[in-house]
Amino acid sequence: MVYYVIITLAFLIAIFIIYGAVSRRHIYKNVDRLEQWKTEIANQPVADEIAKVKGLTMSGETEEKFEEWRREWDEILGVHLPDIEEALFDIEEWANKYRFKKAKTHIEGVDNQLGEMESHIQTIFKEVEQLIHSEEENRSGISETQERFENLRRYLSQNWLSLGDTAPVLERRLKECETLFSSFHEEREAGNYSRANQILNELNTGMSREEEFMRTIPAVLVDIQSDLPAECAELEKGIEEMEEAGYVLAHYDFLTQIQQVREEFPDLQKAAVNLEVEWAQERLQQIRSFLEDTYKTLEKEVEARRFVEENVHETRQELSRLEEQVNSLAREREKVEVSYRIPGEEQQRQAEVEKNMQTALQEWRVFQDVQENKKQSFTGLKKSLDHIKKEMGSLEQNIRRSKEKLYTLRKDELKALDTLRSLRRQLLQDRMTLERSFLPKVPSSLLNEIDAAEERLEAASSILGEVPVELGRVNASVEDAEHYVNRVHQQLNATVEQAKLAERAIQYGNKYRSQSSSIDDSLKEAEGYFRKGYYDEAVNTAVQTLEQKEPNALKKLEI
């Protein structure tokens, strides 16, 4: 028992020693990494970077930045890095004393401190570069900006007349830019390069805006003062000429809208002078769209008038022709109703045709009144005429269908008469076939079928003779008669064939009568069935008897 306890204690001690060795090794590696990182930070060329600004004017912003960067770098070298050196020494001591948790906590803290130092150094580098770059931009950009400014002043002078009342406003704004030039030079000489760069950007932005004004304002003024007023006058003249030519345009209220546009021109002129160019351009575009839409509407009026004048006479004639067709259809229906029962659906359609005809005539009278008294524009007249023509097309189709239906009624009656004649001929031929077959007796079932077929033919003839003729009942009765006549034909053929087969079987079996009394008796039984008209039983009895001698007797008899 003691032995196992000793072994366990030794094992636990070994694990503790191994854990301590591994943890210390890991901590020492992190200390070496942090030491190397600290050295790299200390060797950063911060002083050299800061010294670059000494070539600039050391006053104002530049001097303040230089002193700030140098102070921060001295603080890193003189305070923060020595503190980190001492912290790394403490971490190693804590590792040797197995205080691994505290050592790891301080490693994380040193790691964060070094990261912040490196980030701060990069910020210093970036600020130095920005300051130097600002001075380079100021030095190279001011000449271009000054030249651009002079070009703008010359352009303004050369285009003074085309800029109209906006020219003095633009001149005043350019003078305000001169103040910015003075501020730029003052800030630069004071070493405030970033502020000078901001002013330079403001100058360039302002001049881009002024350039845009000078480029767009002449066209805006031409629209306000010349082009659009002329277009309005031309459009007014065109509207007046069209009204004199018979066009109805008052409901469009174009002249009032054009006058409202005219009243806007002074406000647009003021907007241009106040350099509210974007709003003025947008409103001018809306006015142009209104004028274009008005021209398109007038063009549609011209096209509509041409359409109306080209189609009104033709439509009047077509309407008269359709009215005559409707009257003709009514007369035809009266004739047909004497002998036929017209289906309810067709009666409803013809009533709808007459109603639609009256509606079309009413719409045409309204159209004529509106046209003659100039109560509507030609666009409205065209729409009404299109509707009337569409209704006429639908009306003509219904008239044609109704005429076809009336013709179909007569055609169906003739077809039913022909079918009945054909069925009577077929039934007569079947009777003659039955007589020529010389059957010893006709089966009662066949006689019943013949009687039933004759009854159906008589019934169909009776229904067809009724006045008015109801074709639905006629067709149903004819189909029923046809069914029975066909059944008679099929049953007659089957009966005659069975009688012939029975006769052949009995005659074929006569050669075996003397060989067997049972065969003789069976054949006599088959003969009895034959004489009574039971031909199926006669065939079955004779064939069964023969197959006692010849197994394939039926096949021989059917050949």
Protein backbone atom coordinates (compact mmCIF):
# COMPACT_ATOMS: atom_id res chain seq x y z
CA MET A 1 0.00 0.00 0.00
CA VAL A 2 2.81 2.41 0.93
CA TYR A 3 4.53 1.47 -2.29
CA TYR A 4 1.55 2.63 -4.38
CA VAL A 5 1.32 5.91 -2.49
CA ILE A 6 4.99 6.64 -3.14
CA ILE A 7 4.58 5.83 -6.84
CA THR A 8 1.55 8.14 -7.10
CA LEU A 9 3.33 11.03 -5.36
CA ALA A 10 6.34 10.62 -7.62
CA PHE A 11 4.09 10.67 -10.67
CA LEU A 12 2.33 13.84 -9.56
CA ILE A 13 5.62 15.58 -8.79
CA ALA A 14 6.92 14.65 -12.24
CA ILE A 15 3.82 16.09 -13.88
CA PHE A 16 4.20 19.32 -11.88
CA ILE A 17 7.85 19.66 -12.88
CA ILE A 18 7.06 19.03 -16.56
CA TYR A 19 4.17 21.56 -16.50
CA GLY A 20 6.43 24.17 -14.88
CA ALA A 21 9.18 23.64 -17.42
CA VAL A 22 6.80 23.88 -20.37
CA SER A 23 5.07 27.01 -18.97
CA ARG A 24 8.40 28.75 -18.28
CA ARG A 25 9.62 27.95 -21.74
CA HIS A 26 6.46 29.42 -23.26
CA ILE A 27 6.78 32.57 -21.14
CA TYR A 28 10.47 32.97 -22.02
CA LYS A 29 9.55 32.76 -25.73
CA ASN A 30 6.96 35.52 -25.31
CA VAL A 31 9.50 37.64 -23.37
CA ASP A 32 12.02 37.22 -26.20
CA ARG A 33 9.34 38.19 -28.75
CA LEU A 34 8.34 41.27 -26.80
CA GLU A 35 12.01 42.24 -26.29
CA GLN A 36 12.59 42.03 -30.02
CA TRP A 37 9.44 44.06 -30.73
CA LYS A 38 10.57 46.71 -28.20
CA THR A 39 13.95 46.93 -29.91
CA GLU A 40 12.30 47.33 -33.32
CA ILE A 41 10.15 50.19 -31.98
CA ALA A 42 13.21 51.87 -30.46
CA ASN A 43 14.99 51.65 -33.82
CA GLN A 44 12.10 53.23 -35.78
CA PRO A 45 13.37 56.31 -37.77
CA VAL A 46 10.88 58.60 -36.07
CA ALA A 47 13.42 61.37 -35.48
CA ASP A 48 14.43 61.32 -39.15
CA GLU A 49 10.79 61.53 -40.25
CA ILE A 50 10.08 64.41 -37.89
CA ALA A 51 13.22 66.21 -39.12
CA LYS A 52 11.73 66.31 -42.65
CA VAL A 53 9.41 69.14 -41.64
CA LYS A 54 12.36 71.36 -40.73
CA GLY A 55 12.56 72.32 -44.40
CA LEU A 56 9.13 73.93 -44.05
CA THR A 57 8.29 77.21 -42.41
CA MET A 58 8.69 76.44 -38.71
CA SER A 59 5.80 78.43 -37.32
CA GLY A 60 2.14 78.06 -36.62
CA GLU A 61 0.72 74.60 -37.26
CA THR A 62 4.03 73.17 -38.49
CA GLU A 63 5.91 74.24 -35.37
CA GLU A 64 3.13 72.95 -33.09
CA LYS A 65 3.09 69.58 -34.82
CA PHE A 66 6.88 69.30 -34.79
CA GLU A 67 7.05 69.92 -31.04
CA GLU A 68 4.18 67.54 -30.37
CA TRP A 69 5.73 64.68 -32.40
CA ARG A 70 9.16 65.20 -30.82
CA ARG A 71 7.69 65.22 -27.31
CA GLU A 72 5.72 62.06 -27.96
CA TRP A 73 8.77 60.27 -29.38
CA ASP A 74 10.96 61.36 -26.44
CA GLU A 75 8.28 60.07 -24.07
CA ILE A 76 8.28 56.69 -25.84
CA LEU A 77 12.08 56.38 -25.66
CA GLY A 78 12.56 57.83 -22.21
CA VAL A 79 9.53 56.56 -20.30
CA HIS A 80 7.48 53.86 -21.95
CA LEU A 81 10.22 51.61 -23.34
CA PRO A 82 12.20 51.57 -19.99
CA ASP A 83 8.96 50.71 -18.19
CA ILE A 84 8.44 47.83 -20.58
CA GLU A 85 12.05 46.65 -20.02
CA GLU A 86 11.39 46.51 -16.29
CA ALA A 87 8.06 44.72 -16.84
CA LEU A 88 9.78 42.03 -18.94
CA PHE A 89 12.31 41.48 -16.14
CA ASP A 90 9.44 41.08 -13.64
CA ILE A 91 7.69 38.58 -15.93
CA GLU A 92 10.79 36.37 -15.96
CA GLU A 93 11.00 36.55 -12.14
CA TRP A 94 7.33 35.52 -11.80
CA ALA A 95 7.92 32.62 -14.20
CA ASN A 96 10.86 31.38 -12.11
CA LYS A 97 8.60 31.50 -9.04
CA TYR A 98 5.84 29.51 -10.85
CA ARG A 99 3.51 32.51 -10.83
CA PHE A 100 2.48 31.75 -14.37
CA LYS A 101 -0.96 33.37 -14.29
CA LYS A 102 0.43 36.76 -13.21
CA ALA A 103 3.22 36.47 -15.79
CA LYS A 104 0.69 35.81 -18.59
CA THR A 105 -1.45 38.76 -17.49
CA HIS A 106 1.53 41.13 -17.69
CA ILE A 107 2.56 39.68 -21.05
CA GLU A 108 -0.86 40.66 -22.41
CA GLY A 109 -0.46 44.15 -20.95
CA VAL A 110 3.00 44.65 -22.49
CA ASP A 111 1.69 43.29 -25.79
CA ASN A 112 -1.09 45.91 -25.80
CA GLN A 113 1.34 48.73 -24.84
CA LEU A 114 3.73 47.90 -27.66
CA GLY A 115 0.83 47.69 -30.12
CA GLU A 116 -0.38 51.14 -29.08
CA MET A 117 3.16 52.57 -29.41
CA GLU A 118 3.56 51.15 -32.89
CA SER A 119 0.13 52.45 -33.92
CA HIS A 120 1.00 55.88 -32.55
CA ILE A 121 4.30 55.91 -34.45
CA GLN A 122 2.47 55.07 -37.67
CA THR A 123 0.09 57.94 -36.97
CA ILE A 124 3.07 60.29 -36.62
CA PHE A 125 4.50 59.04 -39.94
CA LYS A 126 1.12 59.58 -41.61
CA GLU A 127 0.70 63.09 -40.21
CA VAL A 128 4.23 64.05 -41.30
CA GLU A 129 3.52 62.76 -44.79
CA GLN A 130 0.18 64.62 -44.93
CA LEU A 131 1.80 67.86 -43.85
CA ILE A 132 4.59 67.57 -46.40
CA HIS A 133 2.12 66.50 -49.09
CA SER A 134 -0.13 69.47 -48.26
CA GLU A 135 2.78 71.84 -48.83
CA GLU A 136 3.66 70.13 -52.11
CA GLU A 137 0.03 70.38 -53.24
CA ASN A 138 -0.11 74.01 -52.16
CA ARG A 139 3.07 74.83 -54.04
CA SER A 140 2.07 73.08 -57.26
CA GLY A 141 -1.68 73.74 -57.05
CA ILE A 142 -1.73 77.46 -56.38
CA SER A 143 -0.20 78.26 -59.75
CA GLU A 144 -2.78 76.17 -61.62
CA THR A 145 -5.59 77.61 -59.51
CA GLN A 146 -4.38 81.16 -60.10
CA GLU A 147 -4.22 80.56 -63.84
CA ARG A 148 -7.70 79.00 -63.76
CA PHE A 149 -8.98 82.06 -61.92
CA GLU A 150 -7.53 84.42 -64.50
CA ASN A 151 -9.11 82.39 -67.30
CA LEU A 152 -12.47 82.67 -65.59
CA ARG A 153 -12.13 86.43 -65.32
CA ARG A 154 -11.27 86.67 -69.02
CA TYR A 155 -14.17 84.38 -69.97
CA LEU A 156 -16.55 86.53 -67.90
CA SER A 157 -15.33 89.66 -69.64
CA GLN A 158 -15.62 88.10 -73.11
CA ASN A 159 -19.13 86.72 -72.49
CA TRP A 160 -20.49 89.60 -70.45
CA LEU A 161 -23.39 90.29 -72.81
CA SER A 162 -24.48 86.65 -73.18
CA LEU A 163 -24.52 86.28 -69.38
CA GLY A 164 -26.90 89.22 -69.09
CA ASP A 165 -27.88 90.31 -65.58
CA THR A 166 -25.96 87.39 -64.08
CA ALA A 167 -22.60 88.87 -65.18
CA PRO A 168 -22.33 91.36 -62.27
CA VAL A 169 -23.30 88.61 -59.83
CA LEU A 170 -20.59 86.31 -61.16
CA GLU A 171 -18.07 89.17 -61.08
CA ARG A 172 -18.85 89.77 -57.41
CA ARG A 173 -18.42 86.08 -56.63
CA LEU A 174 -15.02 86.05 -58.36
CA LYS A 175 -13.93 88.99 -56.19
CA GLU A 176 -14.85 86.92 -53.15
CA CYS A 177 -12.46 84.28 -54.47
CA GLU A 178 -9.63 86.84 -54.37
CA THR A 179 -10.13 87.04 -50.60
CA LEU A 180 -9.58 83.28 -50.42
CA PHE A 181 -6.32 83.66 -52.35
CA SER A 182 -5.12 86.15 -49.73
CA SER A 183 -6.12 83.80 -46.91
CA PHE A 184 -4.28 80.96 -48.62
CA HIS A 185 -1.02 82.88 -48.78
CA GLU A 186 -1.38 84.06 -45.18
CA GLU A 187 -1.93 80.53 -43.86
CA ARG A 188 0.93 79.14 -45.92
CA GLU A 189 3.37 81.80 -44.78
CA ALA A 190 2.29 81.11 -41.20
CA GLY A 191 3.13 77.43 -41.62
CA ASN A 192 -0.52 76.32 -41.49
CA TYR A 193 -0.18 74.08 -44.54
CA SER A 194 -3.23 71.91 -43.85
CA ARG A 195 -5.50 74.95 -43.51
CA ALA A 196 -3.93 76.44 -46.65
CA ASN A 197 -4.66 73.19 -48.48
CA GLN A 198 -8.30 73.34 -47.35
CA ILE A 199 -8.59 76.89 -48.70
CA LEU A 200 -7.04 75.75 -52.00
CA ASN A 201 -9.65 72.99 -52.28
CA GLU A 202 -12.40 75.51 -51.53
CA LEU A 203 -11.06 77.74 -54.31
CA ASN A 204 -11.07 74.90 -56.85
CA THR A 205 -14.56 73.80 -55.83
CA GLY A 206 -15.86 77.35 -56.09
CA MET A 207 -14.31 77.91 -59.49
CA SER A 208 -15.77 74.64 -60.79
CA ARG A 209 -19.15 75.94 -59.69
CA GLU A 210 -18.59 79.30 -61.37
CA GLU A 211 -17.41 77.59 -64.56
CA GLU A 212 -20.60 75.55 -64.61
CA PHE A 213 -22.69 78.69 -64.12
CA MET A 214 -20.89 80.51 -66.95
CA ARG A 215 -21.34 77.51 -69.24
CA THR A 216 -25.04 76.91 -68.61
CA ILE A 217 -26.49 80.37 -67.90
CA PRO A 218 -26.31 81.69 -71.52
CA ALA A 219 -28.42 78.80 -72.79
CA VAL A 220 -30.87 79.23 -69.89
CA LEU A 221 -31.21 82.96 -70.65
CA VAL A 222 -31.76 82.27 -74.36
CA ASP A 223 -34.56 79.84 -73.46
CA ILE A 224 -36.17 82.33 -71.06
CA GLN A 225 -35.78 85.47 -73.16
CA SER A 226 -36.05 84.18 -76.72
CA ASP A 227 -36.62 80.56 -77.66
CA LEU A 228 -39.49 79.56 -75.39
CA PRO A 229 -41.46 82.83 -75.78
CA ALA A 230 -41.16 82.41 -79.56
CA GLU A 231 -42.33 78.78 -79.33
CA CYS A 232 -45.28 79.84 -77.17
CA ALA A 233 -46.27 82.49 -79.70
CA GLU A 234 -45.95 80.06 -82.59
CA LEU A 235 -48.01 77.44 -80.73
CA GLU A 236 -50.73 79.99 -79.91
CA LYS A 237 -50.91 81.00 -83.55
CA GLY A 238 -51.19 77.38 -84.63
CA ILE A 239 -54.00 76.69 -82.14
CA GLU A 240 -55.94 79.73 -83.34
CA GLU A 241 -55.55 78.67 -86.99
CA MET A 242 -56.75 75.16 -86.17
CA GLU A 243 -59.80 76.50 -84.34
CA GLU A 244 -60.61 78.68 -87.36
CA ALA A 245 -60.31 75.53 -89.53
CA GLY A 246 -63.00 73.80 -87.49
CA TYR A 247 -61.01 72.01 -84.78
CA VAL A 248 -62.62 71.88 -81.32
CA LEU A 249 -59.77 72.61 -78.88
CA ALA A 250 -61.36 74.76 -76.17
CA HIS A 251 -61.70 71.87 -73.71
CA TYR A 252 -57.92 71.33 -73.77
CA ASP A 253 -57.45 74.86 -72.33
CA PHE A 254 -54.11 75.18 -74.15
CA LEU A 255 -54.20 79.00 -74.47
CA THR A 256 -54.68 79.47 -70.72
CA GLN A 257 -51.78 77.13 -69.95
CA ILE A 258 -49.52 78.92 -72.44
CA GLN A 259 -50.37 82.26 -70.82
CA GLN A 260 -49.45 80.81 -67.42
CA VAL A 261 -46.10 79.71 -68.87
CA ARG A 262 -45.49 83.25 -70.16
CA GLU A 263 -46.13 84.64 -66.70
CA GLU A 264 -43.40 82.39 -65.30
CA PHE A 265 -40.60 83.83 -67.47
CA PRO A 266 -39.88 86.86 -65.17
CA ASP A 267 -39.54 84.54 -62.15
CA LEU A 268 -37.25 82.26 -64.15
CA GLN A 269 -35.19 85.32 -65.13
CA LYS A 270 -34.80 86.22 -61.44
CA ALA A 271 -33.85 82.65 -60.59
CA ALA A 272 -31.11 82.73 -63.22
CA VAL A 273 -29.77 86.05 -61.87
CA ASN A 274 -29.75 84.55 -58.36
CA LEU A 275 -27.86 81.56 -59.82
CA GLU A 276 -30.70 79.16 -59.01
CA VAL A 277 -29.74 77.53 -62.28
CA GLU A 278 -30.60 73.94 -61.47
CA TRP A 279 -34.18 74.81 -60.52
CA ALA A 280 -34.53 77.04 -63.58
CA GLN A 281 -33.24 74.28 -65.90
CA GLU A 282 -35.63 71.76 -64.39
CA ARG A 283 -38.61 74.09 -64.83
CA LEU A 284 -37.57 74.98 -68.40
CA GLN A 285 -37.41 71.27 -69.21
CA GLN A 286 -40.94 70.86 -67.83
CA ILE A 287 -42.14 73.74 -70.04
CA ARG A 288 -40.50 72.16 -73.09
CA SER A 289 -42.19 68.86 -72.27
CA PHE A 290 -45.55 70.67 -72.02
CA LEU A 291 -45.01 72.31 -75.42
CA GLU A 292 -43.96 68.99 -77.00
CA ASP A 293 -46.98 67.20 -75.52
CA THR A 294 -49.24 69.96 -76.83
CA TYR A 295 -47.81 69.59 -80.34
CA LYS A 296 -48.32 65.82 -80.15
CA THR A 297 -51.94 66.34 -79.08
CA LEU A 298 -52.52 68.71 -82.00
CA GLU A 299 -50.93 66.20 -84.39
CA LYS A 300 -53.30 63.54 -83.08
CA GLU A 301 -56.19 65.93 -83.71
CA VAL A 302 -55.09 66.33 -87.35
CA GLU A 303 -54.75 62.55 -87.78
CA ALA A 304 -58.12 61.99 -86.08
CA ARG A 305 -59.82 64.47 -88.40
CA ARG A 306 -58.40 62.75 -91.46
CA PHE A 307 -59.59 59.38 -90.13
CA VAL A 308 -63.08 60.68 -89.36
CA GLU A 309 -63.50 62.37 -92.74
CA GLU A 310 -62.25 59.25 -94.57
CA ASN A 311 -64.47 56.81 -92.66
CA VAL A 312 -67.67 58.65 -91.78
CA HIS A 313 -69.36 58.13 -95.19
CA GLU A 314 -68.30 54.49 -95.38
CA THR A 315 -69.54 53.88 -91.82
CA ARG A 316 -72.92 55.46 -92.64
CA GLN A 317 -73.33 53.16 -95.67
CA GLU A 318 -72.20 50.11 -93.73
CA LEU A 319 -74.67 50.89 -90.96
CA SER A 320 -77.51 51.15 -93.49
CA ARG A 321 -76.47 47.82 -95.01
CA LEU A 322 -76.46 46.15 -91.58
CA GLU A 323 -79.87 47.62 -90.78
CA GLU A 324 -81.25 46.06 -93.99
CA GLN A 325 -79.61 42.73 -93.07
CA VAL A 326 -81.25 42.80 -89.64
CA ASN A 327 -84.63 43.49 -91.24
CA SER A 328 -84.02 40.67 -93.75
CA LEU A 329 -83.11 38.36 -90.89
CA ALA A 330 -86.36 39.20 -89.12
CA ARG A 331 -88.37 38.41 -92.27
CA GLU A 332 -86.49 35.15 -92.73
CA ARG A 333 -87.14 34.19 -89.11
CA GLU A 334 -90.88 34.80 -89.54
CA LYS A 335 -90.93 32.41 -92.51
CA VAL A 336 -88.96 29.73 -90.68
CA GLU A 337 -91.12 30.00 -87.54
CA VAL A 338 -94.13 28.82 -89.55
CA SER A 339 -92.61 25.36 -90.07
CA TYR A 340 -89.85 25.08 -87.43
CA ARG A 341 -89.41 25.55 -83.73
CA ILE A 342 -86.40 27.85 -83.34
CA PRO A 343 -84.24 26.97 -80.28
CA GLY A 344 -84.43 29.40 -77.35
CA GLU A 345 -80.72 30.19 -77.57
CA GLU A 346 -81.07 31.27 -81.19
CA GLN A 347 -84.18 33.33 -80.43
CA GLN A 348 -82.21 35.13 -77.70
CA ARG A 349 -79.31 35.80 -80.09
CA GLN A 350 -81.59 37.28 -82.74
CA ALA A 351 -83.24 39.47 -80.11
CA GLU A 352 -79.76 40.61 -79.06
CA VAL A 353 -78.93 41.39 -82.69
CA GLU A 354 -81.98 43.65 -83.01
CA LYS A 355 -81.18 45.35 -79.70
CA ASN A 356 -77.54 45.94 -80.72
CA MET A 357 -78.70 47.31 -84.06
CA GLN A 358 -80.86 49.89 -82.28
CA THR A 359 -77.96 50.76 -79.96
CA ALA A 360 -75.62 51.27 -82.93
CA LEU A 361 -78.17 53.51 -84.66
CA GLN A 362 -78.58 55.55 -81.47
CA GLU A 363 -74.78 55.91 -81.12
CA TRP A 364 -74.58 56.99 -84.75
CA ARG A 365 -77.22 59.68 -84.21
CA VAL A 366 -75.26 60.95 -81.20
CA PHE A 367 -72.08 60.93 -83.27
CA GLN A 368 -73.75 62.95 -86.04
CA ASP A 369 -75.09 65.51 -83.58
CA VAL A 370 -71.69 65.94 -81.89
CA GLN A 371 -69.90 66.23 -85.24
CA GLU A 372 -72.32 68.64 -86.88
CA ASN A 373 -72.57 70.92 -83.84
CA LYS A 374 -68.83 70.75 -83.01
CA LYS A 375 -69.37 69.53 -79.49
CA GLN A 376 -66.28 67.30 -79.37
CA SER A 377 -62.69 67.19 -80.58
CA PHE A 378 -61.76 65.01 -83.54
CA THR A 379 -59.83 62.74 -81.19
CA GLY A 380 -63.07 62.09 -79.31
CA LEU A 381 -64.96 61.66 -82.58
CA LYS A 382 -62.40 59.13 -83.77
CA LYS A 383 -62.78 57.17 -80.54
CA SER A 384 -66.58 57.15 -80.93
CA LEU A 385 -66.32 56.14 -84.59
CA ASP A 386 -63.89 53.35 -83.74
CA HIS A 387 -66.34 52.05 -81.13
CA ILE A 388 -69.25 52.13 -83.59
CA LYS A 389 -67.19 50.28 -86.24
CA LYS A 390 -66.20 47.66 -83.67
CA GLU A 391 -69.83 47.17 -82.64
CA MET A 392 -70.80 46.88 -86.30
CA GLY A 393 -68.23 44.17 -86.85
CA SER A 394 -69.58 42.16 -83.91
CA LEU A 395 -73.14 42.77 -85.14
CA GLU A 396 -72.31 41.49 -88.63
CA GLN A 397 -70.85 38.28 -87.20
CA ASN A 398 -74.01 37.62 -85.16
CA ILE A 399 -76.22 38.27 -88.21
CA ARG A 400 -74.19 35.78 -90.23
CA ARG A 401 -74.42 33.17 -87.46
CA SER A 402 -78.20 33.61 -87.17
CA LYS A 403 -78.63 33.21 -90.93
CA GLU A 404 -76.50 30.08 -90.87
CA LYS A 405 -78.61 28.71 -88.01
CA LEU A 406 -81.86 29.28 -89.93
CA TYR A 407 -80.34 27.55 -92.96
CA THR A 408 -79.17 24.70 -90.71
CA LEU A 409 -82.73 24.17 -89.48
CA ARG A 410 -83.93 23.46 -93.04
CA LYS A 411 -80.82 21.47 -93.86
CA ASP A 412 -81.32 19.26 -90.78
CA GLU A 413 -84.94 18.57 -91.80
CA LEU A 414 -83.86 17.47 -95.30
CA LYS A 415 -81.13 15.34 -93.82
CA ALA A 416 -83.64 13.66 -91.48
CA LEU A 417 -85.99 12.93 -94.46
CA ASP A 418 -83.13 11.39 -96.46
CA THR A 419 -82.09 9.27 -93.47
CA LEU A 420 -85.65 7.94 -93.00
CA ARG A 421 -85.92 7.06 -96.72
CA SER A 422 -82.60 5.23 -96.54
CA LEU A 423 -83.69 3.31 -93.41
CA ARG A 424 -86.97 2.29 -95.07
CA ARG A 425 -85.09 0.98 -98.12
CA GLN A 426 -82.72 -0.97 -95.87
CA LEU A 427 -85.58 -2.52 -93.89
CA LEU A 428 -87.35 -3.46 -97.16
CA GLN A 429 -84.18 -5.09 -98.49
CA ASP A 430 -83.81 -7.03 -95.23
CA ARG A 431 -87.41 -8.34 -95.59
CA MET A 432 -86.67 -9.48 -99.15
CA THR A 433 -83.47 -11.16 -97.96
CA LEU A 434 -85.51 -12.96 -95.28
CA GLU A 435 -88.01 -14.21 -97.88
CA ARG A 436 -85.28 -15.42 -100.22
CA SER A 437 -83.54 -17.31 -97.46
CA PHE A 438 -86.35 -19.99 -97.40
CA LEU A 439 -85.96 -20.48 -93.67
CA PRO A 440 -88.27 -23.21 -92.37
CA LYS A 441 -89.29 -20.78 -89.64
CA VAL A 442 -88.38 -17.17 -88.76
CA PRO A 443 -87.35 -16.72 -85.07
CA SER A 444 -89.85 -14.71 -83.06
CA SER A 445 -87.05 -12.45 -81.72
CA LEU A 446 -86.21 -11.37 -85.29
CA LEU A 447 -89.89 -10.71 -86.07
CA ASN A 448 -90.11 -8.58 -82.89
CA GLU A 449 -87.06 -6.57 -83.92
CA ILE A 450 -88.57 -5.94 -87.38
CA ASP A 451 -91.83 -4.77 -85.83
CA ALA A 452 -89.98 -2.49 -83.39
CA ALA A 453 -87.94 -0.98 -86.25
CA GLU A 454 -91.12 -0.27 -88.25
CA GLU A 455 -92.70 1.38 -85.19
CA ARG A 456 -89.64 3.63 -84.73
CA LEU A 457 -89.71 4.63 -88.40
CA GLU A 458 -93.39 5.52 -88.17
CA ALA A 459 -92.80 7.53 -84.99
CA ALA A 460 -89.93 9.47 -86.58
CA SER A 461 -92.04 10.21 -89.68
CA SER A 462 -94.87 11.43 -87.45
CA ILE A 463 -92.61 13.80 -85.47
CA LEU A 464 -91.08 15.11 -88.67
CA GLY A 465 -94.55 15.88 -90.00
CA GLU A 466 -95.45 18.07 -87.01
CA VAL A 467 -95.71 21.83 -87.51
CA PRO A 468 -93.66 23.61 -86.36
CA VAL A 469 -90.85 21.10 -86.68
CA GLU A 470 -88.88 20.63 -83.49
CA LEU A 471 -85.54 19.44 -84.80
CA GLY A 472 -84.28 18.30 -81.42
CA ARG A 473 -87.06 15.68 -81.18
CA VAL A 474 -86.73 14.86 -84.90
CA ASN A 475 -83.02 14.10 -84.65
CA ALA A 476 -83.50 11.99 -81.51
CA SER A 477 -86.31 9.92 -83.11
CA VAL A 478 -84.34 9.41 -86.35
CA GLU A 479 -81.31 8.21 -84.39
CA ASP A 480 -83.56 5.79 -82.44
CA ALA A 481 -85.08 4.40 -85.68
CA GLU A 482 -81.64 4.04 -87.23
CA HIS A 483 -80.47 2.06 -84.21
CA TYR A 484 -83.37 -0.43 -84.49
CA VAL A 485 -83.04 -0.85 -88.27
CA ASN A 486 -79.33 -1.60 -87.91
CA ARG A 487 -80.11 -4.17 -85.21
CA VAL A 488 -82.60 -5.89 -87.57
CA HIS A 489 -79.96 -5.99 -90.30
CA GLN A 490 -77.31 -7.48 -88.03
CA GLN A 491 -79.66 -10.06 -86.44
CA LEU A 492 -81.05 -11.10 -89.86
CA ASN A 493 -77.58 -11.73 -91.26
CA ALA A 494 -76.58 -13.68 -88.16
CA THR A 495 -79.81 -15.82 -88.30
CA VAL A 496 -79.42 -16.68 -92.00
CA GLU A 497 -75.77 -17.63 -91.50
CA GLN A 498 -76.60 -19.87 -88.54
CA ALA A 499 -79.42 -21.57 -90.51
CA LYS A 500 -77.04 -22.30 -93.40
CA LEU A 501 -74.38 -23.62 -91.01
CA ALA A 502 -76.93 -25.86 -89.26
CA GLU A 503 -78.14 -27.23 -92.61
CA ARG A 504 -74.55 -27.98 -93.73
CA ALA A 505 -73.74 -29.68 -90.41
CA ILE A 506 -76.81 -31.95 -90.58
CA GLN A 507 -76.14 -32.87 -94.21
CA TYR A 508 -72.45 -33.51 -93.44
CA GLY A 509 -73.41 -35.77 -90.52
CA ASN A 510 -75.78 -37.97 -92.59
CA LYS A 511 -72.83 -40.22 -93.55
CA TYR A 512 -72.39 -41.23 -89.92
CA ARG A 513 -76.09 -42.08 -89.20
CA SER A 514 -75.72 -45.73 -90.17
CA GLN A 515 -72.62 -46.15 -87.99
CA SER A 516 -74.22 -45.14 -84.69
CA SER A 517 -77.77 -44.91 -83.44
CA SER A 518 -76.78 -42.20 -80.95
CA ILE A 519 -75.45 -40.05 -83.80
CA ASP A 520 -78.66 -40.64 -85.73
CA ASP A 521 -80.72 -39.60 -82.70
CA SER A 522 -78.63 -36.44 -82.15
CA LEU A 523 -78.93 -35.39 -85.75
CA LYS A 524 -82.69 -35.94 -85.61
CA GLU A 525 -82.73 -33.68 -82.54
CA ALA A 526 -80.76 -31.04 -84.51
CA GLU A 527 -83.27 -31.35 -87.38
CA GLY A 528 -86.08 -30.71 -84.90
CA TYR A 529 -84.41 -27.53 -83.67
CA PHE A 530 -83.86 -26.46 -87.28
CA ARG A 531 -87.53 -26.88 -88.27
CA LYS A 532 -88.63 -24.89 -85.17
CA GLY A 533 -86.27 -22.00 -86.03
CA TYR A 534 -83.81 -22.62 -83.18
CA TYR A 535 -80.79 -22.41 -85.42
CA ASP A 536 -78.17 -21.80 -82.70
CA GLU A 537 -79.32 -24.98 -80.87
CA ALA A 538 -79.34 -26.90 -84.16
CA VAL A 539 -75.76 -25.86 -84.91
CA ASN A 540 -74.52 -26.70 -81.39
CA THR A 541 -76.22 -30.13 -81.36
CA ALA A 542 -75.03 -31.11 -84.87
CA VAL A 543 -71.46 -29.91 -84.33
CA GLN A 544 -71.13 -31.71 -80.98
CA THR A 545 -72.35 -34.89 -82.67
CA LEU A 546 -69.90 -34.57 -85.59
CA GLU A 547 -66.94 -33.86 -83.30
CA GLN A 548 -67.36 -37.37 -81.89
CA LYS A 549 -66.06 -38.53 -85.27
CA GLU A 550 -64.16 -35.47 -86.46
CA PRO A 551 -62.73 -33.17 -83.73
CA ASN A 552 -62.27 -30.24 -86.19
CA ALA A 553 -65.63 -30.61 -87.87
CA LEU A 554 -66.73 -27.01 -87.17
CA LYS A 555 -63.69 -25.54 -88.95
CA LYS A 556 -64.39 -27.70 -92.02
CA LEU A 557 -68.02 -26.56 -92.09
CA GLU A 558 -67.12 -22.85 -91.78
CA ILE A 559 -64.76 -22.94 -94.77
